[in-house]
Amino acid sequence: MKNICLLSGQLMPVLGMGTAGLGEVHAEGENEIAALRRGLDLGMTLIDTAEIYGDGGAEILIGEAIAHCRSSVFLVSKVAPRNATQLGAIAACENSLRRLQTDYLDLYLLHWRGPVPLSETLVALETLKQSGKIRDYGVGNFDVKDMEEARALPGGEVIATNQIPYNLRHRNSEWKLLSWCQQRGIPIMAHSPLLQGELLKHPKLLEIAQQRGVTVAQVAIAWLLHQEVIVFPKVSSIAHVEQNRAALDLQLTTEELSALDVAFPPPSAPITLLENW
């Protein structure tokens, strides 16, 4: 598995597993755990979750899935904005750790910006890092102005990553945010890589997939990996996990990349991160 080096020196896998929607249906629990474990066996050791997924149910499920191999997993969770106060974020993290059956997170993110001052949230995140409960911290859905504000605050200089919506249909971050982060050594985590399945029906993606003998999802994921961002498609089944892992080995040609730029044009004028999202 290829890794990206965070500012702290910690290595983060470029391809992992997302868990939004897991842990919500009890009857699906065994299948979801089996899919997670299959992904781990294939080297997809990055698992992304959040306290709000399944109201904590996803974290409970993950805790069971990784109980035998926690040390080999790069575990990411997120604090909801409503809990991002100085005391609230610490309590939220401790609750996530309890559900995940671990004593530390590799990365802890502010899920998205809310009403709590960033300075207060950063104090909590730095406290968690100093206590060893998290190894790194970052943010989610921050545009350039948000990143500039956060980086200027105490603790903001070590923000490890920014998790944003990024896929072929939603390329807003390419206007300025991607380069801003890359210049400062802050890797992007791309959530919604398949746009909740919407991209799976696009004719150009279908054409390339058929020509290459792969799935549409593999083409969309391979395109993101070509952008040198971190991708974590949702875990849905063992078969899909295996297909997602194979995307790491799919190298799109220059002609295919150009055709995708025509079908999904990058921004040609200033646009905010979440505009038209």
C-alpha atoms as a PDB file:
ATOM      1  CA  MET A   1       0.000   0.000   0.000  1.00  0.00           C
ATOM      2  CA  LYS A   2       1.317   3.423  -0.940  1.00  0.00           C
ATOM      3  CA  ASN A   3       1.481   5.942   1.916  1.00  0.00           C
ATOM      4  CA  ILE A   4       1.516   9.722   2.283  1.00  0.00           C
ATOM      5  CA  CYS A   5       3.692  11.271   4.978  1.00  0.00           C
ATOM      6  CA  LEU A   6       1.900  13.687   7.322  1.00  0.00           C
ATOM      7  CA  LEU A   7       3.626  16.741   8.786  1.00  0.00           C
ATOM      8  CA  SER A   8       4.245  14.753  11.974  1.00  0.00           C
ATOM      9  CA  GLY A   9       6.078  12.053  10.034  1.00  0.00           C
ATOM     10  CA  GLN A  10       3.254   9.568  10.482  1.00  0.00           C
ATOM     11  CA  LEU A  11       2.501   7.514   7.347  1.00  0.00           C
ATOM     12  CA  MET A  12      -1.095   7.438   6.128  1.00  0.00           C
ATOM     13  CA  PRO A  13      -2.329   4.933   3.508  1.00  0.00           C
ATOM     14  CA  VAL A  14      -3.648   6.525   0.298  1.00  0.00           C
ATOM     15  CA  LEU A  15      -6.528   4.054  -0.066  1.00  0.00           C
ATOM     16  CA  GLY A  16      -8.809   2.947   2.730  1.00  0.00           C
ATOM     17  CA  MET A  17     -12.378   2.262   3.764  1.00  0.00           C
ATOM     18  CA  GLY A  18     -15.196   4.650   4.613  1.00  0.00           C
ATOM     19  CA  THR A  19     -17.888   3.661   7.086  1.00  0.00           C
ATOM     20  CA  ALA A  20     -20.747   6.161   6.740  1.00  0.00           C
ATOM     21  CA  GLY A  21     -23.960   4.116   6.967  1.00  0.00           C
ATOM     22  CA  LEU A  22     -22.375   1.164   8.773  1.00  0.00           C
ATOM     23  CA  GLY A  23     -23.680  -0.015  12.102  1.00  0.00           C
ATOM     24  CA  GLU A  24     -27.216   1.169  11.401  1.00  0.00           C
ATOM     25  CA  VAL A  25     -28.870  -2.179  10.645  1.00  0.00           C
ATOM     26  CA  HIS A  26     -28.130  -4.856  13.233  1.00  0.00           C
ATOM     27  CA  ALA A  27     -28.756  -7.704  10.779  1.00  0.00           C
ATOM     28  CA  GLU A  28     -26.000  -6.405   8.509  1.00  0.00           C
ATOM     29  CA  GLY A  29     -23.378  -6.286  11.245  1.00  0.00           C
ATOM     30  CA  GLU A  30     -21.659  -9.590  10.494  1.00  0.00           C
ATOM     31  CA  ASN A  31     -21.416  -8.829   6.775  1.00  0.00           C
ATOM     32  CA  GLU A  32     -20.029  -5.347   7.459  1.00  0.00           C
ATOM     33  CA  ILE A  33     -17.402  -6.720   9.841  1.00  0.00           C
ATOM     34  CA  ALA A  34     -16.444  -9.355   7.273  1.00  0.00           C
ATOM     35  CA  ALA A  35     -16.037  -6.679   4.591  1.00  0.00           C
ATOM     36  CA  LEU A  36     -13.861  -4.540   6.874  1.00  0.00           C
ATOM     37  CA  ARG A  37     -11.655  -7.494   7.737  1.00  0.00           C
ATOM     38  CA  ARG A  38     -11.300  -8.429   4.070  1.00  0.00           C
ATOM     39  CA  GLY A  39     -10.155  -4.891   3.329  1.00  0.00           C
ATOM     40  CA  LEU A  40      -7.577  -5.099   6.100  1.00  0.00           C
ATOM     41  CA  ASP A  41      -6.318  -8.388   4.692  1.00  0.00           C
ATOM     42  CA  LEU A  42      -5.853  -6.624   1.338  1.00  0.00           C
ATOM     43  CA  GLY A  43      -3.765  -3.874   2.917  1.00  0.00           C
ATOM     44  CA  MET A  44      -6.484  -1.214   3.135  1.00  0.00           C
ATOM     45  CA  THR A  45      -5.592  -0.418   6.721  1.00  0.00           C
ATOM     46  CA  LEU A  46      -7.009   3.120   6.721  1.00  0.00           C
ATOM     47  CA  ILE A  47     -10.491   3.163   8.266  1.00  0.00           C
ATOM     48  CA  ASP A  48     -12.437   6.435   8.371  1.00  0.00           C
ATOM     49  CA  THR A  49     -15.398   6.894  10.689  1.00  0.00           C
ATOM     50  CA  ALA A  50     -17.156   9.532  12.826  1.00  0.00           C
ATOM     51  CA  GLU A  51     -19.129   9.746  16.027  1.00  0.00           C
ATOM     52  CA  ILE A  52     -22.296  10.625  14.088  1.00  0.00           C
ATOM     53  CA  TYR A  53     -22.192   7.561  11.807  1.00  0.00           C
ATOM     54  CA  GLY A  54     -24.993   5.356  13.021  1.00  0.00           C
ATOM     55  CA  ASP A  55     -25.033   7.466  16.198  1.00  0.00           C
ATOM     56  CA  GLY A  56     -21.850   5.698  17.245  1.00  0.00           C
ATOM     57  CA  GLY A  57     -22.876   2.371  15.752  1.00  0.00           C
ATOM     58  CA  ALA A  58     -20.182   2.448  13.088  1.00  0.00           C
ATOM     59  CA  GLU A  59     -17.477   2.926  15.716  1.00  0.00           C
ATOM     60  CA  ILE A  60     -18.794  -0.002  17.751  1.00  0.00           C
ATOM     61  CA  LEU A  61     -18.750  -2.202  14.659  1.00  0.00           C
ATOM     62  CA  ILE A  62     -15.218  -1.126  13.737  1.00  0.00           C
ATOM     63  CA  GLY A  63     -14.035  -1.803  17.268  1.00  0.00           C
ATOM     64  CA  GLU A  64     -15.135  -5.392  16.894  1.00  0.00           C
ATOM     65  CA  ALA A  65     -13.642  -5.729  13.408  1.00  0.00           C
ATOM     66  CA  ILE A  66     -10.164  -4.519  14.412  1.00  0.00           C
ATOM     67  CA  ALA A  67      -9.940  -5.969  17.908  1.00  0.00           C
ATOM     68  CA  HIS A  68      -7.351  -8.512  16.748  1.00  0.00           C
ATOM     69  CA  CYS A  69      -5.183  -6.085  14.764  1.00  0.00           C
ATOM     70  CA  ARG A  70      -5.507  -2.553  16.138  1.00  0.00           C
ATOM     71  CA  SER A  71      -1.785  -1.822  15.876  1.00  0.00           C
ATOM     72  CA  SER A  72      -1.818  -2.323  12.098  1.00  0.00           C
ATOM     73  CA  VAL A  73      -4.825  -0.038  11.465  1.00  0.00           C
ATOM     74  CA  PHE A  74      -4.694   3.691  10.676  1.00  0.00           C
ATOM     75  CA  LEU A  75      -7.854   4.769  12.471  1.00  0.00           C
ATOM     76  CA  VAL A  76      -9.597   8.073  11.775  1.00  0.00           C
ATOM     77  CA  SER A  77     -12.642   9.471  13.547  1.00  0.00           C
ATOM     78  CA  LYS A  78     -14.336  12.855  13.669  1.00  0.00           C
ATOM     79  CA  VAL A  79     -15.934  15.094  16.253  1.00  0.00           C
ATOM     80  CA  ALA A  80     -19.267  16.693  15.361  1.00  0.00           C
ATOM     81  CA  PRO A  81     -19.264  20.528  15.390  1.00  0.00           C
ATOM     82  CA  ARG A  82     -21.814  20.619  18.212  1.00  0.00           C
ATOM     83  CA  ASN A  83     -19.319  18.785  20.425  1.00  0.00           C
ATOM     84  CA  ALA A  84     -16.243  20.748  19.385  1.00  0.00           C
ATOM     85  CA  THR A  85     -15.879  22.887  22.529  1.00  0.00           C
ATOM     86  CA  GLN A  86     -12.770  22.586  24.669  1.00  0.00           C
ATOM     87  CA  LEU A  87     -14.363  20.112  27.063  1.00  0.00           C
ATOM     88  CA  GLY A  88     -16.860  18.665  24.578  1.00  0.00           C
ATOM     89  CA  ALA A  89     -14.273  17.540  22.034  1.00  0.00           C
ATOM     90  CA  ILE A  90     -12.255  15.767  24.699  1.00  0.00           C
ATOM     91  CA  ALA A  91     -15.368  13.979  25.977  1.00  0.00           C
ATOM     92  CA  ALA A  92     -16.428  13.101  22.414  1.00  0.00           C
ATOM     93  CA  CYS A  93     -13.008  11.645  21.653  1.00  0.00           C
ATOM     94  CA  GLU A  94     -13.040   9.567  24.829  1.00  0.00           C
ATOM     95  CA  ASN A  95     -16.486   8.232  23.887  1.00  0.00           C
ATOM     96  CA  SER A  96     -15.219   7.321  20.416  1.00  0.00           C
ATOM     97  CA  LEU A  97     -12.218   5.542  21.924  1.00  0.00           C
ATOM     98  CA  ARG A  98     -14.515   3.552  24.186  1.00  0.00           C
ATOM     99  CA  ARG A  99     -16.748   2.488  21.292  1.00  0.00           C
ATOM    100  CA  LEU A 100     -13.724   1.638  19.133  1.00  0.00           C
ATOM    101  CA  GLN A 101     -12.135  -0.359  21.981  1.00  0.00           C
ATOM    102  CA  THR A 102      -8.813   1.442  21.638  1.00  0.00           C
ATOM    103  CA  ASP A 103      -6.801   3.953  23.637  1.00  0.00           C
ATOM    104  CA  TYR A 104      -5.732   6.182  20.747  1.00  0.00           C
ATOM    105  CA  LEU A 105      -6.705   7.445  17.303  1.00  0.00           C
ATOM    106  CA  ASP A 106      -4.179   7.909  14.529  1.00  0.00           C
ATOM    107  CA  LEU A 107      -6.085  10.955  13.297  1.00  0.00           C
ATOM    108  CA  TYR A 108      -8.979  12.969  14.760  1.00  0.00           C
ATOM    109  CA  LEU A 109     -10.853  15.531  12.661  1.00  0.00           C
ATOM    110  CA  LEU A 110     -13.294  18.359  13.213  1.00  0.00           C
ATOM    111  CA  HIS A 111     -16.039  16.997  10.936  1.00  0.00           C
ATOM    112  CA  TRP A 112     -16.977  20.421   9.590  1.00  0.00           C
ATOM    113  CA  ARG A 113     -16.869  23.972  10.851  1.00  0.00           C
ATOM    114  CA  GLY A 114     -19.634  24.991  13.254  1.00  0.00           C
ATOM    115  CA  PRO A 115     -20.360  27.778  15.746  1.00  0.00           C
ATOM    116  CA  VAL A 116     -17.574  26.923  18.208  1.00  0.00           C
ATOM    117  CA  PRO A 117     -14.509  29.177  17.769  1.00  0.00           C
ATOM    118  CA  LEU A 118     -11.676  27.367  16.006  1.00  0.00           C
ATOM    119  CA  SER A 119      -9.281  28.519  18.713  1.00  0.00           C
ATOM    120  CA  GLU A 120     -11.270  26.592  21.316  1.00  0.00           C
ATOM    121  CA  THR A 121     -11.453  23.426  19.232  1.00  0.00           C
ATOM    122  CA  LEU A 122      -7.716  23.562  18.537  1.00  0.00           C
ATOM    123  CA  VAL A 123      -6.985  23.783  22.263  1.00  0.00           C
ATOM    124  CA  ALA A 124      -8.986  20.586  22.775  1.00  0.00           C
ATOM    125  CA  LEU A 125      -7.284  18.808  19.868  1.00  0.00           C
ATOM    126  CA  GLU A 126      -3.836  19.809  21.086  1.00  0.00           C
ATOM    127  CA  THR A 127      -4.720  18.609  24.598  1.00  0.00           C
ATOM    128  CA  LEU A 128      -5.800  15.246  23.179  1.00  0.00           C
ATOM    129  CA  LYS A 129      -2.565  14.993  21.198  1.00  0.00           C
ATOM    130  CA  GLN A 130      -0.386  15.823  24.183  1.00  0.00           C
ATOM    131  CA  SER A 131      -2.207  13.201  26.272  1.00  0.00           C
ATOM    132  CA  GLY A 132      -1.552  10.517  23.634  1.00  0.00           C
ATOM    133  CA  LYS A 133      -5.222   9.936  22.879  1.00  0.00           C
ATOM    134  CA  ILE A 134      -4.702  11.086  19.283  1.00  0.00           C
ATOM    135  CA  ARG A 135      -1.545  11.099  17.196  1.00  0.00           C
ATOM    136  CA  ASP A 136      -2.572  13.804  14.734  1.00  0.00           C
ATOM    137  CA  TYR A 137      -5.535  16.090  14.145  1.00  0.00           C
ATOM    138  CA  GLY A 138      -7.096  17.811  11.184  1.00  0.00           C
ATOM    139  CA  VAL A 139     -10.222  19.424   9.796  1.00  0.00           C
ATOM    140  CA  GLY A 140     -13.045  18.656   7.398  1.00  0.00           C
ATOM    141  CA  ASN A 141     -14.710  20.666   4.638  1.00  0.00           C
ATOM    142  CA  PHE A 142     -12.441  23.709   5.117  1.00  0.00           C
ATOM    143  CA  ASP A 143     -11.933  26.089   2.196  1.00  0.00           C
ATOM    144  CA  VAL A 144      -8.831  28.262   1.805  1.00  0.00           C
ATOM    145  CA  LYS A 145     -10.072  31.076   4.062  1.00  0.00           C
ATOM    146  CA  ASP A 146     -10.916  28.565   6.798  1.00  0.00           C
ATOM    147  CA  MET A 147      -7.506  26.947   6.459  1.00  0.00           C
ATOM    148  CA  GLU A 148      -5.718  30.293   6.598  1.00  0.00           C
ATOM    149  CA  GLU A 149      -7.634  31.246   9.733  1.00  0.00           C
ATOM    150  CA  ALA A 150      -6.969  27.915  11.413  1.00  0.00           C
ATOM    151  CA  ARG A 151      -3.270  27.847  10.524  1.00  0.00           C
ATOM    152  CA  ALA A 152      -2.772  31.278  12.090  1.00  0.00           C
ATOM    153  CA  LEU A 153      -4.077  30.076  15.476  1.00  0.00           C
ATOM    154  CA  PRO A 154      -2.046  28.307  18.184  1.00  0.00           C
ATOM    155  CA  GLY A 155      -2.017  24.617  17.263  1.00  0.00           C
ATOM    156  CA  GLY A 156      -3.138  25.323  13.718  1.00  0.00           C
ATOM    157  CA  GLU A 157       0.347  24.964  12.280  1.00  0.00           C
ATOM    158  CA  VAL A 158       0.241  21.185  12.799  1.00  0.00           C
ATOM    159  CA  ILE A 159      -3.136  20.526  11.158  1.00  0.00           C
ATOM    160  CA  ALA A 160      -2.397  17.236   9.429  1.00  0.00           C
ATOM    161  CA  THR A 161      -5.087  16.973   6.755  1.00  0.00           C
ATOM    162  CA  ASN A 162      -8.282  18.436   5.329  1.00  0.00           C
ATOM    163  CA  GLN A 163     -11.103  16.055   4.432  1.00  0.00           C
ATOM    164  CA  ILE A 164     -13.244  17.498   1.645  1.00  0.00           C
ATOM    165  CA  PRO A 165     -15.793  16.474  -1.003  1.00  0.00           C
ATOM    166  CA  TYR A 166     -13.786  15.632  -4.111  1.00  0.00           C
ATOM    167  CA  ASN A 167     -14.699  13.542  -7.118  1.00  0.00           C
ATOM    168  CA  LEU A 168     -14.949  13.874 -10.881  1.00  0.00           C
ATOM    169  CA  ARG A 169     -18.233  15.759 -10.664  1.00  0.00           C
ATOM    170  CA  HIS A 170     -17.135  18.000  -7.798  1.00  0.00           C
ATOM    171  CA  ARG A 171     -13.729  19.504  -8.600  1.00  0.00           C
ATOM    172  CA  ASN A 172     -14.190  22.864  -6.854  1.00  0.00           C
ATOM    173  CA  SER A 173     -11.082  22.338  -4.721  1.00  0.00           C
ATOM    174  CA  GLU A 174      -8.895  22.384  -7.833  1.00  0.00           C
ATOM    175  CA  TRP A 175      -9.390  26.137  -8.222  1.00  0.00           C
ATOM    176  CA  LYS A 176      -7.145  26.976  -5.255  1.00  0.00           C
ATOM    177  CA  LEU A 177      -7.554  24.707  -2.224  1.00  0.00           C
ATOM    178  CA  LEU A 178      -5.670  21.657  -3.523  1.00  0.00           C
ATOM    179  CA  SER A 179      -2.540  23.599  -4.423  1.00  0.00           C
ATOM    180  CA  TRP A 180      -2.726  25.655  -1.203  1.00  0.00           C
ATOM    181  CA  CYS A 181      -2.730  22.486   0.885  1.00  0.00           C
ATOM    182  CA  GLN A 182      -0.123  20.699  -1.198  1.00  0.00           C
ATOM    183  CA  GLN A 183       2.294  23.622  -0.909  1.00  0.00           C
ATOM    184  CA  ARG A 184       2.053  23.336   2.880  1.00  0.00           C
ATOM    185  CA  GLY A 185       2.343  19.565   3.100  1.00  0.00           C
ATOM    186  CA  ILE A 186      -1.300  19.056   4.081  1.00  0.00           C
ATOM    187  CA  PRO A 187      -2.727  16.051   2.196  1.00  0.00           C
ATOM    188  CA  ILE A 188      -6.358  16.031   1.105  1.00  0.00           C
ATOM    189  CA  MET A 189      -8.738  13.248   2.078  1.00  0.00           C
ATOM    190  CA  ALA A 190     -11.425  12.915  -0.608  1.00  0.00           C
ATOM    191  CA  HIS A 191     -14.833  11.963   0.734  1.00  0.00           C
ATOM    192  CA  SER A 192     -17.775  11.031  -1.521  1.00  0.00           C
ATOM    193  CA  PRO A 193     -15.476   9.665  -4.271  1.00  0.00           C
ATOM    194  CA  LEU A 194     -18.429   8.156  -6.156  1.00  0.00           C
ATOM    195  CA  LEU A 195     -20.911  10.920  -5.291  1.00  0.00           C
ATOM    196  CA  GLN A 196     -23.260   8.486  -3.531  1.00  0.00           C
ATOM    197  CA  GLY A 197     -23.266   6.274  -6.623  1.00  0.00           C
ATOM    198  CA  GLU A 198     -24.249   9.028  -9.065  1.00  0.00           C
ATOM    199  CA  LEU A 199     -21.011   8.678 -11.029  1.00  0.00           C
ATOM    200  CA  LEU A 200     -21.591   4.975 -11.654  1.00  0.00           C
ATOM    201  CA  LYS A 201     -24.053   5.795 -14.440  1.00  0.00           C
ATOM    202  CA  HIS A 202     -21.965   8.308 -16.364  1.00  0.00           C
ATOM    203  CA  PRO A 203     -21.483   7.241 -20.019  1.00  0.00           C
ATOM    204  CA  LYS A 204     -17.813   8.287 -20.281  1.00  0.00           C
ATOM    205  CA  LEU A 205     -16.899   6.363 -17.152  1.00  0.00           C
ATOM    206  CA  LEU A 206     -18.889   3.384 -18.430  1.00  0.00           C
ATOM    207  CA  GLU A 207     -17.036   3.559 -21.741  1.00  0.00           C
ATOM    208  CA  ILE A 208     -13.579   3.622 -20.145  1.00  0.00           C
ATOM    209  CA  ALA A 209     -14.509   0.861 -17.704  1.00  0.00           C
ATOM    210  CA  GLN A 210     -15.751  -1.397 -20.493  1.00  0.00           C
ATOM    211  CA  GLN A 211     -12.647  -0.767 -22.603  1.00  0.00           C
ATOM    212  CA  ARG A 212     -10.346  -1.584 -19.680  1.00  0.00           C
ATOM    213  CA  GLY A 213     -12.368  -4.512 -18.321  1.00  0.00           C
ATOM    214  CA  VAL A 214     -12.814  -2.884 -14.911  1.00  0.00           C
ATOM    215  CA  THR A 215     -15.686  -1.367 -12.944  1.00  0.00           C
ATOM    216  CA  VAL A 216     -16.823   2.242 -13.170  1.00  0.00           C
ATOM    217  CA  ALA A 217     -16.011   2.683  -9.482  1.00  0.00           C
ATOM    218  CA  GLN A 218     -12.434   1.566 -10.127  1.00  0.00           C
ATOM    219  CA  VAL A 219     -12.024   4.210 -12.829  1.00  0.00           C
ATOM    220  CA  ALA A 220     -13.393   6.973 -10.584  1.00  0.00           C
ATOM    221  CA  ILE A 221     -11.180   5.906  -7.680  1.00  0.00           C
ATOM    222  CA  ALA A 222      -8.104   5.549  -9.908  1.00  0.00           C
ATOM    223  CA  TRP A 223      -8.672   9.096 -11.163  1.00  0.00           C
ATOM    224  CA  LEU A 224      -8.667  10.410  -7.585  1.00  0.00           C
ATOM    225  CA  LEU A 225      -5.537   8.450  -6.709  1.00  0.00           C
ATOM    226  CA  HIS A 226      -3.891  10.040  -9.750  1.00  0.00           C
ATOM    227  CA  GLN A 227      -4.566  13.428  -8.109  1.00  0.00           C
ATOM    228  CA  GLU A 228      -2.409  12.248  -5.174  1.00  0.00           C
ATOM    229  CA  VAL A 229      -5.150  12.484  -2.586  1.00  0.00           C
ATOM    230  CA  ILE A 230      -6.314   9.970   0.025  1.00  0.00           C
ATOM    231  CA  VAL A 231      -9.427   8.010  -0.941  1.00  0.00           C
ATOM    232  CA  PHE A 232     -11.706   5.888   1.228  1.00  0.00           C
ATOM    233  CA  PRO A 233     -14.750   4.488  -0.614  1.00  0.00           C
ATOM    234  CA  LYS A 234     -17.603   3.269   1.558  1.00  0.00           C
ATOM    235  CA  VAL A 235     -17.466  -0.345   2.693  1.00  0.00           C
ATOM    236  CA  SER A 236     -20.538  -2.130   1.332  1.00  0.00           C
ATOM    237  CA  SER A 237     -19.551  -5.745   0.682  1.00  0.00           C
ATOM    238  CA  ILE A 238     -16.538  -8.015   0.374  1.00  0.00           C
ATOM    239  CA  ALA A 239     -16.835  -7.895  -3.420  1.00  0.00           C
ATOM    240  CA  HIS A 240     -16.830  -4.107  -3.511  1.00  0.00           C
ATOM    241  CA  VAL A 241     -13.890  -3.930  -1.101  1.00  0.00           C
ATOM    242  CA  GLU A 242     -11.905  -6.229  -3.388  1.00  0.00           C
ATOM    243  CA  GLN A 243     -12.803  -4.098  -6.420  1.00  0.00           C
ATOM    244  CA  ASN A 244     -11.846  -0.912  -4.605  1.00  0.00           C
ATOM    245  CA  ARG A 245      -8.444  -2.346  -3.708  1.00  0.00           C
ATOM    246  CA  ALA A 246      -7.839  -3.252  -7.353  1.00  0.00           C
ATOM    247  CA  ALA A 247      -8.285   0.414  -8.288  1.00  0.00           C
ATOM    248  CA  LEU A 248      -4.878   1.073  -6.742  1.00  0.00           C
ATOM    249  CA  ASP A 249      -3.295  -0.935  -9.560  1.00  0.00           C
ATOM    250  CA  LEU A 250      -5.252   0.781 -12.350  1.00  0.00           C
ATOM    251  CA  GLN A 251      -3.163   3.366 -14.188  1.00  0.00           C
ATOM    252  CA  LEU A 252      -5.256   5.605 -16.433  1.00  0.00           C
ATOM    253  CA  THR A 253      -3.670   6.628 -19.723  1.00  0.00           C
ATOM    254  CA  THR A 254      -3.035  10.211 -20.781  1.00  0.00           C
ATOM    255  CA  GLU A 255      -5.838   9.866 -23.318  1.00  0.00           C
ATOM    256  CA  GLU A 256      -8.272   8.593 -20.682  1.00  0.00           C
ATOM    257  CA  LEU A 257      -7.381  11.400 -18.302  1.00  0.00           C
ATOM    258  CA  SER A 258      -7.909  13.955 -21.067  1.00  0.00           C
ATOM    259  CA  ALA A 259     -11.268  12.427 -21.962  1.00  0.00           C
ATOM    260  CA  LEU A 260     -12.348  12.654 -18.327  1.00  0.00           C
ATOM    261  CA  ASP A 261     -11.329  16.336 -18.247  1.00  0.00           C
ATOM    262  CA  VAL A 262     -13.629  16.923 -21.218  1.00  0.00           C
ATOM    263  CA  ALA A 263     -16.505  15.013 -19.627  1.00  0.00           C
ATOM    264  CA  PHE A 264     -15.922  16.554 -16.198  1.00  0.00           C
ATOM    265  CA  PRO A 265     -14.278  19.956 -16.749  1.00  0.00           C
ATOM    266  CA  PRO A 266     -12.167  21.410 -13.935  1.00  0.00           C
ATOM    267  CA  PRO A 267     -13.223  24.851 -12.678  1.00  0.00           C
ATOM    268  CA  SER A 268     -12.471  27.730 -15.054  1.00  0.00           C
ATOM    269  CA  ALA A 269     -13.459  30.510 -12.638  1.00  0.00           C
ATOM    270  CA  PRO A 270     -13.258  31.089  -8.878  1.00  0.00           C
ATOM    271  CA  ILE A 271     -15.576  28.763  -7.004  1.00  0.00           C
ATOM    272  CA  THR A 272     -15.949  27.952  -3.318  1.00  0.00           C
ATOM    273  CA  LEU A 273     -15.481  24.448  -1.997  1.00  0.00           C
ATOM    274  CA  LEU A 274     -19.143  23.694  -1.316  1.00  0.00           C
ATOM    275  CA  GLU A 275     -20.718  25.750  -4.111  1.00  0.00           C
ATOM    276  CA  ASN A 276     -23.234  23.608  -6.043  1.00  0.00           C
ATOM    277  CA  TRP A 277     -22.508  20.680  -3.742  1.00  0.00           C
END
